[in-house]
All heavy atoms as atom14 arrays in JSON, in Angstrom:
{
  "sequence": "MQTARKQYIGYRDEVDNQESMTETFAQATFTIDSQRWKDVPIKITT",
  "atom14_mask": [
    [1, 1, 1, 1, 1, 1, 1, 1, 0, 0, 0, 0, 0, 0],
    [1, 1, 1, 1, 1, 1, 1, 1, 1, 0, 0, 0, 0, 0],
    [1, 1, 1, 1, 1, 1, 1, 0, 0, 0, 0, 0, 0, 0],
    [1, 1, 1, 1, 1, 0, 0, 0, 0, 0, 0, 0, 0, 0],
    [1, 1, 1, 1, 1, 1, 1, 1, 1, 1, 1, 0, 0, 0],
    [1, 1, 1, 1, 1, 1, 1, 1, 1, 0, 0, 0, 0, 0],
    [1, 1, 1, 1, 1, 1, 1, 1, 1, 0, 0, 0, 0, 0],
    [1, 1, 1, 1, 1, 1, 1, 1, 1, 1, 1, 1, 0, 0],
    [1, 1, 1, 1, 1, 1, 1, 1, 0, 0, 0, 0, 0, 0],
    [1, 1, 1, 1, 0, 0, 0, 0, 0, 0, 0, 0, 0, 0],
    [1, 1, 1, 1, 1, 1, 1, 1, 1, 1, 1, 1, 0, 0],
    [1, 1, 1, 1, 1, 1, 1, 1, 1, 1, 1, 0, 0, 0],
    [1, 1, 1, 1, 1, 1, 1, 1, 0, 0, 0, 0, 0, 0],
    [1, 1, 1, 1, 1, 1, 1, 1, 1, 0, 0, 0, 0, 0],
    [1, 1, 1, 1, 1, 1, 1, 0, 0, 0, 0, 0, 0, 0],
    [1, 1, 1, 1, 1, 1, 1, 1, 0, 0, 0, 0, 0, 0],
    [1, 1, 1, 1, 1, 1, 1, 1, 0, 0, 0, 0, 0, 0],
    [1, 1, 1, 1, 1, 1, 1, 1, 1, 0, 0, 0, 0, 0],
    [1, 1, 1, 1, 1, 1, 1, 1, 1, 0, 0, 0, 0, 0],
    [1, 1, 1, 1, 1, 1, 0, 0, 0, 0, 0, 0, 0, 0],
    [1, 1, 1, 1, 1, 1, 1, 1, 0, 0, 0, 0, 0, 0],
    [1, 1, 1, 1, 1, 1, 1, 0, 0, 0, 0, 0, 0, 0],
    [1, 1, 1, 1, 1, 1, 1, 1, 1, 0, 0, 0, 0, 0],
    [1, 1, 1, 1, 1, 1, 1, 0, 0, 0, 0, 0, 0, 0],
    [1, 1, 1, 1, 1, 1, 1, 1, 1, 1, 1, 0, 0, 0],
    [1, 1, 1, 1, 1, 0, 0, 0, 0, 0, 0, 0, 0, 0],
    [1, 1, 1, 1, 1, 1, 1, 1, 1, 0, 0, 0, 0, 0],
    [1, 1, 1, 1, 1, 0, 0, 0, 0, 0, 0, 0, 0, 0],
    [1, 1, 1, 1, 1, 1, 1, 0, 0, 0, 0, 0, 0, 0],
    [1, 1, 1, 1, 1, 1, 1, 1, 1, 1, 1, 0, 0, 0],
    [1, 1, 1, 1, 1, 1, 1, 0, 0, 0, 0, 0, 0, 0],
    [1, 1, 1, 1, 1, 1, 1, 1, 0, 0, 0, 0, 0, 0],
    [1, 1, 1, 1, 1, 1, 1, 1, 0, 0, 0, 0, 0, 0],
    [1, 1, 1, 1, 1, 1, 0, 0, 0, 0, 0, 0, 0, 0],
    [1, 1, 1, 1, 1, 1, 1, 1, 1, 0, 0, 0, 0, 0],
    [1, 1, 1, 1, 1, 1, 1, 1, 1, 1, 1, 0, 0, 0],
    [1, 1, 1, 1, 1, 1, 1, 1, 1, 1, 1, 1, 1, 1],
    [1, 1, 1, 1, 1, 1, 1, 1, 1, 0, 0, 0, 0, 0],
    [1, 1, 1, 1, 1, 1, 1, 1, 0, 0, 0, 0, 0, 0],
    [1, 1, 1, 1, 1, 1, 1, 0, 0, 0, 0, 0, 0, 0],
    [1, 1, 1, 1, 1, 1, 1, 0, 0, 0, 0, 0, 0, 0],
    [1, 1, 1, 1, 1, 1, 1, 1, 0, 0, 0, 0, 0, 0],
    [1, 1, 1, 1, 1, 1, 1, 1, 1, 0, 0, 0, 0, 0],
    [1, 1, 1, 1, 1, 1, 1, 1, 0, 0, 0, 0, 0, 0],
    [1, 1, 1, 1, 1, 1, 1, 0, 0, 0, 0, 0, 0, 0],
    [1, 1, 1, 1, 1, 1, 1, 0, 0, 0, 0, 0, 0, 0]
  ],
  "atom14_positions": [
    [[-5.22, -0.08, 9.74], [-4.45, 0.95, 10.3], [-2.92, 1.01, 9.69], [-2.26, 1.96, 9.7], [-4.38, 0.89, 11.76], [-5.77, 1.2, 12.48], [-5.59, 1.13, 14.28], [-5.18, -0.59, 14.58], [0.0, 0.0, 0.0], [0.0, 0.0, 0.0], [0.0, 0.0, 0.0], [0.0, 0.0, 0.0], [0.0, 0.0, 0.0], [0.0, 0.0, 0.0]],
    [[-2.48, -0.24, 9.5], [-1.05, -0.38, 9.06], [-0.86, -0.59, 7.57], [0.3, -0.84, 7.16], [-0.35, -1.5, 9.95], [-0.29, -1.17, 11.39], [0.47, -2.13, 12.2], [1.01, -3.04, 11.7], [0.4, -1.96, 13.5], [0.0, 0.0, 0.0], [0.0, 0.0, 0.0], [0.0, 0.0, 0.0], [0.0, 0.0, 0.0], [0.0, 0.0, 0.0]],
    [[-1.86, -0.56, 6.83], [-1.77, -0.72, 5.3], [-2.68, 0.34, 4.72], [-3.64, 0.71, 5.34], [-2.08, -2.1, 4.79], [-3.5, -2.32, 4.81], [-1.31, -3.13, 5.56], [0.0, 0.0, 0.0], [0.0, 0.0, 0.0], [0.0, 0.0, 0.0], [0.0, 0.0, 0.0], [0.0, 0.0, 0.0], [0.0, 0.0, 0.0], [0.0, 0.0, 0.0]],
    [[-2.36, 0.76, 3.54], [-3.28, 1.68, 2.83], [-3.21, 1.33, 1.34], [-2.08, 0.99, 0.78], [-2.84, 3.07, 3.03], [0.0, 0.0, 0.0], [0.0, 0.0, 0.0], [0.0, 0.0, 0.0], [0.0, 0.0, 0.0], [0.0, 0.0, 0.0], [0.0, 0.0, 0.0], [0.0, 0.0, 0.0], [0.0, 0.0, 0.0], [0.0, 0.0, 0.0]],
    [[-4.33, 1.39, 0.59], [-4.34, 1.19, -0.83], [-5.22, 2.32, -1.38], [-6.29, 2.71, -0.82], [-4.81, -0.11, -1.28], [-6.32, -0.42, -0.72], [-6.77, -1.79, -1.19], [-8.2, -2.03, -0.76], [-9.04, -2.64, -1.54], [-8.71, -2.98, -2.79], [-10.25, -2.88, -1.2], [0.0, 0.0, 0.0], [0.0, 0.0, 0.0], [0.0, 0.0, 0.0]],
    [[-4.67, 2.98, -2.37], [-5.38, 4.17, -3.1], [-5.33, 4.0, -4.68], [-4.41, 3.29, -5.16], [-4.67, 5.45, -2.55], [-4.67, 5.62, -1.02], [-4.05, 6.91, -0.62], [-3.88, 7.02, 0.87], [-3.2, 8.29, 1.21], [0.0, 0.0, 0.0], [0.0, 0.0, 0.0], [0.0, 0.0, 0.0], [0.0, 0.0, 0.0], [0.0, 0.0, 0.0]],
    [[-6.06, 4.84, -5.26], [-6.08, 4.79, -6.78], [-6.29, 6.27, -7.1], [-7.17, 6.94, -6.59], [-7.31, 3.95, -7.25], [-7.35, 3.83, -8.71], [-8.73, 3.14, -9.1], [-9.68, 3.82, -9.31], [-8.61, 1.83, -9.18], [0.0, 0.0, 0.0], [0.0, 0.0, 0.0], [0.0, 0.0, 0.0], [0.0, 0.0, 0.0], [0.0, 0.0, 0.0]],
    [[-5.41, 6.67, -8.11], [-5.53, 8.15, -8.48], [-6.79, 8.29, -9.41], [-7.19, 7.39, -10.11], [-4.25, 8.51, -9.15], [-3.88, 7.95, -10.47], [-4.57, 8.32, -11.64], [-2.8, 7.18, -10.57], [-4.13, 7.79, -12.9], [-2.26, 6.64, -11.79], [-3.01, 6.92, -12.92], [-2.64, 6.37, -14.14], [0.0, 0.0, 0.0], [0.0, 0.0, 0.0]],
    [[-7.27, 9.45, -9.22], [-8.55, 9.86, -9.93], [-8.2, 9.9, -11.43], [-7.26, 10.59, -11.74], [-9.13, 11.18, -9.49], [-9.55, 11.01, -8.0], [-10.33, 11.62, -10.25], [-9.96, 12.33, -7.22], [0.0, 0.0, 0.0], [0.0, 0.0, 0.0], [0.0, 0.0, 0.0], [0.0, 0.0, 0.0], [0.0, 0.0, 0.0], [0.0, 0.0, 0.0]],
    [[-8.97, 9.24, -12.31], [-8.71, 9.19, -13.6], [-8.17, 7.85, -14.14], [-8.13, 7.54, -15.28], [0.0, 0.0, 0.0], [0.0, 0.0, 0.0], [0.0, 0.0, 0.0], [0.0, 0.0, 0.0], [0.0, 0.0, 0.0], [0.0, 0.0, 0.0], [0.0, 0.0, 0.0], [0.0, 0.0, 0.0], [0.0, 0.0, 0.0], [0.0, 0.0, 0.0]],
    [[-7.72, 7.07, -13.14], [-7.11, 5.71, -13.56], [-8.16, 4.82, -14.24], [-7.9, 4.21, -15.24], [-6.63, 5.01, -12.24], [-6.12, 3.61, -12.46], [-4.92, 3.4, -12.92], [-7.0, 2.6, -12.23], [-4.53, 2.09, -13.18], [-6.68, 1.29, -12.41], [-5.39, 1.02, -12.9], [-5.03, -0.32, -13.25], [0.0, 0.0, 0.0], [0.0, 0.0, 0.0]],
    [[-9.4, 4.89, -13.77], [-10.43, 4.0, -14.23], [-10.76, 4.36, -15.73], [-11.04, 3.46, -16.52], [-11.65, 4.01, -13.42], [-11.47, 3.44, -11.98], [-12.73, 3.37, -11.14], [-12.51, 2.81, -9.94], [-13.26, 2.58, -8.91], [-14.57, 3.1, -9.07], [-13.06, 1.96, -7.77], [0.0, 0.0, 0.0], [0.0, 0.0, 0.0], [0.0, 0.0, 0.0]],
    [[-10.63, 5.6, -16.1], [-10.78, 5.97, -17.49], [-9.63, 5.51, -18.28], [-9.9, 5.13, -19.44], [-10.96, 7.57, -17.61], [-12.24, 8.06, -16.93], [-13.21, 7.32, -16.86], [-12.11, 9.25, -16.5], [0.0, 0.0, 0.0], [0.0, 0.0, 0.0], [0.0, 0.0, 0.0], [0.0, 0.0, 0.0], [0.0, 0.0, 0.0], [0.0, 0.0, 0.0]],
    [[-8.47, 5.61, -17.76], [-7.32, 5.08, -18.54], [-7.3, 3.61, -18.86], [-6.8, 3.21, -19.81], [-5.96, 5.58, -17.66], [-5.73, 7.06, -17.63], [-4.59, 7.32, -16.73], [-3.72, 6.47, -16.63], [-4.56, 8.53, -16.2], [0.0, 0.0, 0.0], [0.0, 0.0, 0.0], [0.0, 0.0, 0.0], [0.0, 0.0, 0.0], [0.0, 0.0, 0.0]],
    [[-7.86, 2.85, -17.91], [-7.9, 1.42, -18.18], [-9.24, 0.92, -18.6], [-9.42, -0.31, -18.82], [-7.46, 0.67, -16.81], [-6.18, 0.97, -16.41], [-8.53, 0.9, -15.69], [0.0, 0.0, 0.0], [0.0, 0.0, 0.0], [0.0, 0.0, 0.0], [0.0, 0.0, 0.0], [0.0, 0.0, 0.0], [0.0, 0.0, 0.0], [0.0, 0.0, 0.0]],
    [[-10.11, 1.88, -18.8], [-11.44, 1.62, -19.47], [-12.13, 0.54, -18.56], [-12.77, -0.38, -19.06], [-11.32, 1.1, -20.79], [-12.7, 1.1, -21.55], [-13.59, 1.87, -21.11], [-12.87, 0.35, -22.54], [0.0, 0.0, 0.0], [0.0, 0.0, 0.0], [0.0, 0.0, 0.0], [0.0, 0.0, 0.0], [0.0, 0.0, 0.0], [0.0, 0.0, 0.0]],
    [[-12.15, 0.75, -17.29], [-12.84, -0.12, -16.35], [-13.28, 0.67, -15.13], [-12.44, 1.04, -14.15], [-11.91, -1.21, -15.83], [-12.46, -2.11, -14.82], [-13.77, -2.12, -14.65], [-11.78, -3.05, -14.27], [0.0, 0.0, 0.0], [0.0, 0.0, 0.0], [0.0, 0.0, 0.0], [0.0, 0.0, 0.0], [0.0, 0.0, 0.0], [0.0, 0.0, 0.0]],
    [[-14.57, 1.08, -15.1], [-15.12, 1.96, -14.07], [-15.32, 1.22, -12.71], [-15.58, 1.82, -11.74], [-16.47, 2.53, -14.56], [-16.19, 3.5, -15.66], [-15.31, 4.61, -15.4], [-15.41, 5.33, -14.44], [-14.35, 4.81, -16.42], [0.0, 0.0, 0.0], [0.0, 0.0, 0.0], [0.0, 0.0, 0.0], [0.0, 0.0, 0.0], [0.0, 0.0, 0.0]],
    [[-15.05, -0.09, -12.82], [-15.15, -0.91, -11.51], [-13.8, -1.35, -10.95], [-13.79, -2.03, -10.05], [-16.08, -2.15, -11.79], [-17.39, -1.88, -12.29], [-18.27, -1.06, -11.42], [-18.21, -1.23, -10.21], [-19.02, -0.21, -11.89], [0.0, 0.0, 0.0], [0.0, 0.0, 0.0], [0.0, 0.0, 0.0], [0.0, 0.0, 0.0], [0.0, 0.0, 0.0]],
    [[-12.76, -0.81, -11.64], [-11.44, -1.3, -11.16], [-11.14, -0.92, -9.65], [-11.47, 0.15, -9.18], [-10.37, -0.55, -12.08], [-9.01, -0.88, -11.54], [0.0, 0.0, 0.0], [0.0, 0.0, 0.0], [0.0, 0.0, 0.0], [0.0, 0.0, 0.0], [0.0, 0.0, 0.0], [0.0, 0.0, 0.0], [0.0, 0.0, 0.0], [0.0, 0.0, 0.0]],
    [[-10.69, -1.97, -9.02], [-10.19, -1.87, -7.63], [-8.66, -1.95, -7.53], [-8.11, -2.28, -6.46], [-10.93, -2.92, -6.74], [-12.39, -2.78, -6.74], [-12.93, -1.31, -5.89], [-12.56, -1.75, -4.24], [0.0, 0.0, 0.0], [0.0, 0.0, 0.0], [0.0, 0.0, 0.0], [0.0, 0.0, 0.0], [0.0, 0.0, 0.0], [0.0, 0.0, 0.0]],
    [[-8.0, -1.81, -8.62], [-6.58, -1.9, -8.62], [-5.93, -0.64, -7.99], [-6.3, 0.43, -8.39], [-6.03, -2.04, -10.11], [-6.58, -3.13, -10.63], [-4.49, -2.14, -10.08], [0.0, 0.0, 0.0], [0.0, 0.0, 0.0], [0.0, 0.0, 0.0], [0.0, 0.0, 0.0], [0.0, 0.0, 0.0], [0.0, 0.0, 0.0], [0.0, 0.0, 0.0]],
    [[-4.92, -0.88, -7.1], [-4.42, 0.19, -6.41], [-3.18, 0.76, -7.18], [-2.45, -0.03, -7.83], [-3.83, -0.16, -4.99], [-2.6, -0.93, -4.96], [-2.68, -2.46, -5.36], [-3.83, -2.87, -5.55], [-1.65, -3.14, -5.47], [0.0, 0.0, 0.0], [0.0, 0.0, 0.0], [0.0, 0.0, 0.0], [0.0, 0.0, 0.0], [0.0, 0.0, 0.0]],
    [[-3.09, 2.09, -7.2], [-1.93, 2.75, -7.83], [-0.91, 3.32, -6.77], [0.09, 3.89, -7.04], [-2.33, 3.89, -8.78], [-3.06, 4.86, -8.09], [-3.09, 3.37, -9.94], [0.0, 0.0, 0.0], [0.0, 0.0, 0.0], [0.0, 0.0, 0.0], [0.0, 0.0, 0.0], [0.0, 0.0, 0.0], [0.0, 0.0, 0.0], [0.0, 0.0, 0.0]],
    [[-1.4, 3.23, -5.53], [-0.65, 3.59, -4.27], [-0.72, 2.5, -3.31], [-1.84, 2.01, -3.11], [-1.09, 4.98, -3.75], [-0.55, 5.35, -2.47], [0.63, 6.23, -2.47], [-0.88, 4.87, -1.21], [1.21, 6.58, -1.28], [-0.32, 5.22, -0.08], [0.78, 6.09, -0.03], [0.0, 0.0, 0.0], [0.0, 0.0, 0.0], [0.0, 0.0, 0.0]],
    [[0.32, 2.07, -2.74], [0.34, 1.06, -1.75], [1.26, 1.33, -0.61], [2.4, 1.79, -0.88], [0.58, -0.4, -2.41], [0.0, 0.0, 0.0], [0.0, 0.0, 0.0], [0.0, 0.0, 0.0], [0.0, 0.0, 0.0], [0.0, 0.0, 0.0], [0.0, 0.0, 0.0], [0.0, 0.0, 0.0], [0.0, 0.0, 0.0], [0.0, 0.0, 0.0]],
    [[0.82, 1.08, 0.58], [1.73, 1.35, 1.75], [1.43, 0.16, 2.78], [0.22, -0.19, 3.0], [1.45, 2.69, 2.32], [2.33, 3.18, 3.46], [2.12, 4.45, 3.89], [1.19, 4.78, 4.69], [2.9, 5.49, 3.28], [0.0, 0.0, 0.0], [0.0, 0.0, 0.0], [0.0, 0.0, 0.0], [0.0, 0.0, 0.0], [0.0, 0.0, 0.0]],
    [[2.43, -0.22, 3.35], [2.34, -1.3, 4.48], [3.41, -1.06, 5.47], [4.61, -0.81, 5.14], [2.32, -2.72, 3.85], [0.0, 0.0, 0.0], [0.0, 0.0, 0.0], [0.0, 0.0, 0.0], [0.0, 0.0, 0.0], [0.0, 0.0, 0.0], [0.0, 0.0, 0.0], [0.0, 0.0, 0.0], [0.0, 0.0, 0.0], [0.0, 0.0, 0.0]],
    [[3.17, -1.33, 6.76], [4.19, -1.39, 7.85], [4.35, -2.73, 8.37], [3.34, -3.35, 8.72], [3.73, -0.42, 8.95], [3.56, 0.99, 8.37], [4.74, -0.31, 10.03], [0.0, 0.0, 0.0], [0.0, 0.0, 0.0], [0.0, 0.0, 0.0], [0.0, 0.0, 0.0], [0.0, 0.0, 0.0], [0.0, 0.0, 0.0], [0.0, 0.0, 0.0]],
    [[5.55, -3.17, 8.38], [5.93, -4.51, 8.82], [6.85, -4.36, 10.06], [7.38, -3.32, 10.34], [6.8, -5.28, 7.74], [6.0, -5.37, 6.39], [6.14, -4.51, 5.37], [5.03, -6.39, 6.33], [5.46, -4.65, 4.24], [4.33, -6.48, 5.12], [4.48, -5.63, 4.03], [0.0, 0.0, 0.0], [0.0, 0.0, 0.0], [0.0, 0.0, 0.0]],
    [[7.01, -5.53, 10.71], [7.91, -5.62, 11.73], [8.89, -6.84, 11.56], [8.57, -7.83, 10.71], [7.24, -5.82, 13.18], [6.33, -6.92, 13.13], [6.52, -4.54, 13.57], [0.0, 0.0, 0.0], [0.0, 0.0, 0.0], [0.0, 0.0, 0.0], [0.0, 0.0, 0.0], [0.0, 0.0, 0.0], [0.0, 0.0, 0.0], [0.0, 0.0, 0.0]],
    [[10.0, -6.89, 12.22], [10.9, -8.02, 12.1], [10.95, -8.75, 13.42], [11.25, -8.2, 14.49], [12.35, -7.56, 11.63], [12.23, -6.79, 10.19], [13.32, -8.73, 11.59], [13.49, -6.22, 9.91], [0.0, 0.0, 0.0], [0.0, 0.0, 0.0], [0.0, 0.0, 0.0], [0.0, 0.0, 0.0], [0.0, 0.0, 0.0], [0.0, 0.0, 0.0]],
    [[10.64, -10.06, 13.41], [10.64, -10.86, 14.59], [11.97, -11.32, 15.05], [12.37, -12.45, 14.87], [9.66, -12.07, 14.33], [9.37, -12.83, 15.61], [9.67, -12.36, 16.7], [8.79, -13.94, 15.5], [0.0, 0.0, 0.0], [0.0, 0.0, 0.0], [0.0, 0.0, 0.0], [0.0, 0.0, 0.0], [0.0, 0.0, 0.0], [0.0, 0.0, 0.0]],
    [[12.78, -10.37, 15.53], [14.1, -10.74, 15.98], [14.46, -9.74, 17.17], [13.95, -8.62, 17.16], [15.14, -10.55, 14.94], [15.4, -9.23, 14.52], [0.0, 0.0, 0.0], [0.0, 0.0, 0.0], [0.0, 0.0, 0.0], [0.0, 0.0, 0.0], [0.0, 0.0, 0.0], [0.0, 0.0, 0.0], [0.0, 0.0, 0.0], [0.0, 0.0, 0.0]],
    [[15.37, -10.13, 17.98], [15.78, -9.28, 19.08], [16.46, -7.96, 18.46], [16.27, -6.83, 19.08], [16.72, -9.98, 19.98], [16.92, -9.31, 21.31], [15.66, -9.01, 22.14], [14.8, -9.94, 22.11], [15.53, -7.89, 22.76], [0.0, 0.0, 0.0], [0.0, 0.0, 0.0], [0.0, 0.0, 0.0], [0.0, 0.0, 0.0], [0.0, 0.0, 0.0]],
    [[17.15, -8.18, 17.44], [17.87, -7.01, 16.83], [17.0, -5.94, 16.38], [17.39, -4.73, 16.48], [18.76, -7.46, 15.71], [19.6, -6.42, 15.02], [20.43, -6.89, 13.97], [21.43, -5.91, 13.49], [22.49, -6.01, 12.74], [22.75, -7.29, 12.34], [23.21, -4.98, 12.37], [0.0, 0.0, 0.0], [0.0, 0.0, 0.0], [0.0, 0.0, 0.0]],
    [[15.76, -6.21, 15.93], [14.89, -5.27, 15.34], [13.59, -5.18, 16.03], [12.58, -4.78, 15.5], [14.66, -5.59, 13.82], [15.89, -5.44, 13.03], [16.71, -6.45, 12.48], [16.61, -4.25, 12.72], [17.78, -5.96, 11.78], [17.82, -4.58, 11.95], [16.35, -2.86, 12.96], [18.74, -3.66, 11.52], [17.32, -1.96, 12.46], [18.37, -2.31, 11.79]],
    [[13.58, -5.57, 17.27], [12.29, -5.66, 18.12], [11.68, -4.27, 18.11], [12.3, -3.22, 18.49], [12.63, -6.14, 19.48], [11.45, -6.26, 20.4], [11.85, -6.89, 21.74], [10.66, -6.84, 22.73], [9.59, -7.65, 22.26], [0.0, 0.0, 0.0], [0.0, 0.0, 0.0], [0.0, 0.0, 0.0], [0.0, 0.0, 0.0], [0.0, 0.0, 0.0]],
    [[10.45, -4.26, 17.69], [9.51, -3.15, 17.73], [10.05, -1.97, 16.79], [9.57, -0.77, 17.04], [9.4, -2.55, 19.22], [8.86, -3.58, 20.21], [7.89, -4.35, 19.67], [9.23, -3.56, 21.38], [0.0, 0.0, 0.0], [0.0, 0.0, 0.0], [0.0, 0.0, 0.0], [0.0, 0.0, 0.0], [0.0, 0.0, 0.0], [0.0, 0.0, 0.0]],
    [[10.84, -2.19, 15.91], [11.22, -1.25, 14.87], [10.3, -1.29, 13.58], [10.26, -2.34, 13.0], [12.7, -1.35, 14.36], [13.0, -0.29, 13.35], [13.58, -1.18, 15.62], [0.0, 0.0, 0.0], [0.0, 0.0, 0.0], [0.0, 0.0, 0.0], [0.0, 0.0, 0.0], [0.0, 0.0, 0.0], [0.0, 0.0, 0.0], [0.0, 0.0, 0.0]],
    [[9.38, -0.35, 13.4], [8.5, -0.52, 12.26], [9.29, -0.23, 10.91], [10.01, 0.7, 10.95], [7.39, 0.5, 12.59], [8.15, 1.55, 13.48], [9.09, 0.89, 14.25], [0.0, 0.0, 0.0], [0.0, 0.0, 0.0], [0.0, 0.0, 0.0], [0.0, 0.0, 0.0], [0.0, 0.0, 0.0], [0.0, 0.0, 0.0], [0.0, 0.0, 0.0]],
    [[8.84, -1.03, 10.02], [9.48, -0.86, 8.65], [8.28, -0.37, 7.76], [7.41, -1.21, 7.4], [10.13, -2.09, 8.01], [10.97, -2.75, 9.17], [10.84, -1.88, 6.81], [12.15, -2.07, 9.48], [0.0, 0.0, 0.0], [0.0, 0.0, 0.0], [0.0, 0.0, 0.0], [0.0, 0.0, 0.0], [0.0, 0.0, 0.0], [0.0, 0.0, 0.0]],
    [[8.23, 0.88, 7.33], [7.14, 1.35, 6.5], [7.52, 1.35, 5.04], [8.55, 1.92, 4.76], [6.66, 2.69, 6.91], [5.42, 3.25, 6.15], [4.91, 4.52, 6.78], [5.68, 5.69, 6.41], [5.13, 7.03, 6.86], [0.0, 0.0, 0.0], [0.0, 0.0, 0.0], [0.0, 0.0, 0.0], [0.0, 0.0, 0.0], [0.0, 0.0, 0.0]],
    [[6.8, 0.71, 4.19], [7.11, 0.58, 2.75], [6.03, 1.33, 1.91], [4.85, 1.0, 2.19], [7.29, -0.82, 2.33], [8.24, -1.59, 3.25], [7.72, -0.93, 0.82], [8.47, -3.02, 2.77], [0.0, 0.0, 0.0], [0.0, 0.0, 0.0], [0.0, 0.0, 0.0], [0.0, 0.0, 0.0], [0.0, 0.0, 0.0], [0.0, 0.0, 0.0]],
    [[6.43, 2.22, 1.06], [5.52, 2.95, 0.32], [5.84, 2.98, -1.19], [7.03, 3.16, -1.58], [5.47, 4.46, 0.74], [5.27, 4.53, 2.17], [4.44, 5.25, 0.04], [0.0, 0.0, 0.0], [0.0, 0.0, 0.0], [0.0, 0.0, 0.0], [0.0, 0.0, 0.0], [0.0, 0.0, 0.0], [0.0, 0.0, 0.0], [0.0, 0.0, 0.0]],
    [[4.87, 2.86, -2.08], [5.05, 3.04, -3.48], [3.8, 3.67, -4.1], [2.66, 3.56, -3.55], [5.39, 1.63, -4.27], [5.8, 1.94, -5.53], [4.07, 0.77, -4.23], [0.0, 0.0, 0.0], [0.0, 0.0, 0.0], [0.0, 0.0, 0.0], [0.0, 0.0, 0.0], [0.0, 0.0, 0.0], [0.0, 0.0, 0.0], [0.0, 0.0, 0.0]]
  ]
}
């Protein structure tokens, strides 16, 4: 629920590997274990 990995259509042709599981999109949501940032989600996307 808090991470996602995706691959764009056509990537496997570009790398000549039809079994590739390499992600070209990545997303994850982290938290910081401190009182200052308690319950503030940090979502990172690329």
